[in-house]
Protein backbone atom coordinates (compact mmCIF):
# COMPACT_ATOMS: atom_id res chain seq x y z
CA MET A 1 -111.57 10.66 -73.00
CA LYS A 2 -107.87 10.61 -72.07
CA LYS A 3 -106.89 13.18 -69.44
CA ARG A 4 -104.51 15.75 -70.87
CA THR A 5 -102.19 18.27 -69.27
CA TYR A 6 -102.17 22.05 -69.53
CA ASP A 7 -99.03 21.85 -71.72
CA GLU A 8 -100.89 19.59 -74.14
CA LEU A 9 -104.09 21.66 -74.21
CA ILE A 10 -102.43 25.09 -74.47
CA ARG A 11 -101.54 24.24 -78.09
CA GLU A 12 -105.13 23.25 -78.96
CA THR A 13 -107.63 25.63 -80.55
CA PRO A 14 -110.41 25.71 -79.78
CA VAL A 15 -110.36 24.20 -76.30
CA THR A 16 -113.87 23.03 -75.38
CA TYR A 17 -115.52 22.57 -72.00
CA GLU A 18 -115.23 18.76 -72.30
CA MET A 19 -111.46 18.99 -72.92
CA TYR A 20 -111.11 21.37 -69.98
CA ALA A 21 -113.28 19.20 -67.69
CA ASN A 22 -111.06 16.21 -68.48
CA MET A 23 -107.73 17.91 -67.80
CA VAL A 24 -105.22 16.44 -65.37
CA ASP A 25 -105.73 18.26 -62.04
CA ASP A 26 -102.43 20.07 -61.50
CA GLY A 27 -103.66 22.28 -58.65
CA ASN A 28 -103.97 25.39 -60.86
CA ARG A 29 -107.16 27.18 -61.92
CA TYR A 30 -108.02 27.85 -65.55
CA GLU A 31 -110.65 29.59 -67.66
CA ILE A 32 -111.50 29.21 -71.34
CA SER A 33 -111.52 32.51 -73.20
CA ASP A 34 -112.93 32.23 -76.73
CA GLY A 35 -111.58 28.70 -77.07
CA VAL A 36 -108.16 29.48 -75.54
CA LEU A 37 -107.14 27.89 -72.24
CA GLU A 38 -105.87 30.57 -69.81
CA LEU A 39 -104.04 30.03 -66.55
CA MET A 40 -105.59 32.26 -63.89
CA SER A 41 -103.57 34.73 -61.80
CA PRO A 42 -101.52 33.62 -58.80
CA SER A 43 -103.46 32.65 -55.68
CA PRO A 44 -105.64 35.52 -54.42
CA THR A 45 -104.30 37.73 -51.63
CA PHE A 46 -105.60 37.62 -48.08
CA THR A 47 -107.41 40.94 -48.64
CA HIS A 48 -109.00 39.64 -51.87
CA GLN A 49 -110.29 36.52 -50.13
CA SER A 50 -111.46 38.41 -47.03
CA ILE A 51 -113.47 40.92 -49.09
CA ALA A 52 -114.98 38.18 -51.27
CA ASP A 53 -115.90 36.18 -48.14
CA GLU A 54 -117.46 39.19 -46.40
CA LEU A 55 -119.44 40.11 -49.52
CA LEU A 56 -120.66 36.50 -49.78
CA HIS A 57 -121.67 36.59 -46.10
CA LEU A 58 -123.57 39.89 -46.43
CA LEU A 59 -125.39 38.81 -49.59
CA LYS A 60 -126.39 35.50 -48.05
CA LEU A 61 -127.70 37.24 -44.93
CA SER A 62 -130.01 39.52 -46.89
CA CYS A 63 -130.69 37.65 -50.14
CA ARG A 64 -130.54 33.88 -49.64
CA ASN A 65 -134.34 33.50 -49.69
CA ASP A 66 -134.49 34.79 -53.27
CA TYR A 67 -131.04 33.98 -54.66
CA VAL A 68 -128.44 31.24 -54.74
CA ILE A 69 -125.04 32.84 -54.10
CA VAL A 70 -121.88 30.81 -54.73
CA SER A 71 -118.21 31.68 -54.42
CA SER A 72 -115.33 30.62 -56.63
CA PRO A 73 -114.15 28.17 -57.73
CA ILE A 74 -117.27 27.39 -59.77
CA ASP A 75 -117.41 27.06 -63.54
CA VAL A 76 -119.76 29.43 -65.33
CA ILE A 77 -120.21 27.71 -68.68
CA LEU A 78 -121.32 30.50 -71.01
CA SER A 79 -120.68 28.38 -74.11
CA ASN A 80 -118.67 25.31 -75.08
CA THR A 81 -115.63 27.56 -75.63
CA GLU A 82 -116.23 30.26 -72.95
CA VAL A 83 -115.90 29.13 -69.33
CA ARG A 84 -115.29 31.64 -66.52
CA GLN A 85 -114.78 31.46 -62.75
CA PRO A 86 -116.08 34.70 -61.19
CA ASP A 87 -115.37 35.37 -57.52
CA LEU A 88 -119.12 35.37 -56.77
CA VAL A 89 -122.07 34.11 -58.80
CA VAL A 90 -125.69 35.08 -58.09
CA ILE A 91 -128.68 33.21 -59.51
CA HIS A 92 -132.34 33.97 -58.81
CA ARG A 93 -134.16 30.94 -57.41
CA SER A 94 -136.61 31.05 -60.32
CA ARG A 95 -133.66 30.16 -62.60
CA MET A 96 -132.18 27.27 -60.63
CA SER A 97 -132.46 25.04 -63.69
CA ILE A 98 -129.14 26.51 -64.93
CA ILE A 99 -127.33 24.98 -61.91
CA SER A 100 -125.81 21.51 -62.34
CA ASN A 101 -123.07 19.49 -60.70
CA ARG A 102 -120.62 20.61 -63.37
CA GLY A 103 -121.32 24.31 -62.75
CA ILE A 104 -123.59 27.10 -63.95
CA ASN A 105 -124.89 26.46 -67.47
CA GLY A 106 -125.54 29.91 -68.91
CA ALA A 107 -125.63 33.50 -67.72
CA PRO A 108 -126.12 34.12 -63.97
CA ASP A 109 -128.15 37.14 -62.84
CA LEU A 110 -125.09 38.85 -61.37
CA VAL A 111 -121.37 38.16 -61.29
CA VAL A 112 -118.78 39.78 -59.02
CA GLU A 113 -115.06 40.01 -59.62
CA VAL A 114 -112.68 41.28 -56.94
CA ALA A 115 -110.00 42.95 -59.08
CA SER A 116 -106.42 42.81 -57.89
CA GLU A 117 -103.23 44.13 -59.43
CA HIS A 118 -102.83 40.88 -61.41
CA SER A 119 -106.43 40.60 -62.62
CA ARG A 120 -107.51 44.24 -63.09
CA ARG A 121 -107.15 44.39 -66.89
CA ARG A 122 -108.78 40.98 -67.36
CA ASP A 123 -111.71 41.89 -65.08
CA LYS A 124 -112.29 45.44 -66.33
CA VAL A 125 -111.79 44.86 -70.06
CA LYS A 126 -111.97 41.24 -71.22
CA LYS A 127 -114.47 39.82 -68.75
CA ARG A 128 -116.69 42.90 -68.96
CA VAL A 129 -117.05 42.36 -72.72
CA VAL A 130 -117.63 38.61 -72.33
CA TYR A 131 -120.23 38.86 -69.56
CA ALA A 132 -122.13 41.46 -71.61
CA GLN A 133 -121.89 39.37 -74.78
CA TYR A 134 -123.45 36.38 -73.00
CA GLY A 135 -126.22 38.42 -71.37
CA VAL A 136 -125.28 38.63 -67.69
CA PRO A 137 -127.67 41.41 -66.51
CA GLU A 138 -125.35 42.96 -63.92
CA TYR A 139 -121.62 42.91 -63.22
CA TRP A 140 -119.81 44.25 -60.16
CA ILE A 141 -116.09 44.90 -59.99
CA VAL A 142 -114.67 45.46 -56.52
CA ASP A 143 -111.38 47.30 -57.02
CA LEU A 144 -108.88 46.60 -54.25
CA SER A 145 -106.64 49.52 -55.26
CA ASN A 146 -109.21 52.11 -54.12
CA LEU A 147 -111.82 49.97 -52.31
CA THR A 148 -114.65 50.87 -54.68
CA LEU A 149 -117.43 48.86 -56.28
CA GLU A 150 -118.13 49.57 -59.95
CA GLN A 151 -121.68 48.61 -60.95
CA TYR A 152 -122.30 47.73 -64.60
CA VAL A 153 -125.83 47.11 -65.90
CA LEU A 154 -126.53 45.50 -69.26
CA ASP A 155 -127.98 47.85 -71.88
CA GLY A 156 -128.61 45.79 -75.01
CA THR A 157 -125.32 44.00 -75.64
CA ARG A 158 -123.06 46.40 -73.69
CA TYR A 159 -122.62 47.40 -70.09
CA GLU A 160 -123.30 50.89 -68.80
CA LEU A 161 -121.28 51.94 -65.77
CA THR A 162 -124.23 53.07 -63.64
CA GLU A 163 -122.45 53.83 -60.37
CA VAL A 164 -119.13 53.75 -58.54
CA TYR A 165 -119.64 53.19 -54.82
CA SER A 166 -117.07 54.03 -52.15
CA GLY A 167 -116.93 54.80 -48.45
CA ASN A 168 -120.37 54.87 -46.85
CA ASP A 169 -122.34 54.94 -50.13
CA THR A 170 -125.12 52.35 -49.87
CA ILE A 171 -125.00 49.89 -52.73
CA HIS A 172 -128.34 49.26 -54.46
CA SER A 173 -129.15 46.92 -57.32
CA GLN A 174 -132.26 46.57 -59.48
CA THR A 175 -131.15 43.05 -60.36
CA MET A 176 -130.72 42.13 -56.69
CA PRO A 177 -132.88 44.57 -54.71
CA CYS A 178 -132.27 42.77 -51.39
CA ALA A 179 -128.58 43.81 -51.48
CA SER A 180 -127.76 46.80 -49.27
CA PHE A 181 -124.29 47.45 -47.86
CA SER A 182 -121.35 49.84 -48.12
CA MET A 183 -117.69 49.34 -48.91
CA ASN A 184 -116.78 50.85 -45.53
CA GLY A 185 -119.03 48.28 -43.87
CA ILE A 186 -117.17 45.49 -45.64
CA VAL A 187 -113.71 46.87 -44.86
CA GLN A 188 -114.56 47.44 -41.19
CA SER A 189 -115.65 43.78 -40.91
CA LEU A 190 -112.36 42.39 -42.21
CA PRO A 191 -110.22 40.47 -39.69
CA VAL A 192 -107.11 42.42 -40.82
CA PRO A 193 -107.42 45.90 -42.40
CA PRO A 194 -106.03 46.08 -45.97
CA ASP A 195 -103.61 48.87 -45.05
CA ALA A 196 -102.08 46.66 -42.33
CA LEU A 197 -100.92 44.14 -44.92
CA GLU A 198 -98.05 44.44 -47.35
C-alpha cells in the first residue's frame, strides 16, 4: 500500500486503521474518530507529562504483577475506524492476548487521559462516549485545571461518574484494586510544581 500524507487522508471517509498505519510519518500524532482522521493537540505540557509519568510509576509499583501498564503513544484499536491513543492503558494479565506489536486490539481494562486546556472537551465528552461504546470498564480523567481525578465506571453502555478525587483522597478502583494513591501524593512527587510553571 502506498504511503499517503495527512493532507491526502484528511479528505478520505472512512479512514481505516490500515490507511492510518501506512501514513507518511510527519512527526505528528493522530487518532481515528468514527472514520475521520484527527490531528491530536499540540505537544503535551511539562506538567501533563510529569503527572502521566508519575501515575505510570505509581501504578507499576503497586500493580505490575497483575496488569500491563503502558503509556502513550500506543494505538488502542477499538475498531477498524476507531483508533485512540490514551495517555495510559491498563490491561489485566489474563487478557494479554489483545496486545500485539501494532497496539492494543480491543478494549483495555482501564484508560487514563490527562486533560489539558486543549484536550478537555475531547477527553470529557467525545472520548468518554467512545470508550463506553466499546466497553472499556473504567475511565479516569485527570484534570490539570483543578488537579482532580474523575473516575467513570461502565454501567451498561454508559459511564457513571462514581467519584471525583482531590487532595489527600485515596483513589480506589474495583477494576484495578491494587491502585492506591492520592492526587496530592502525585503533585508532591513532581520535579517542578504545576504552580511554578507558566
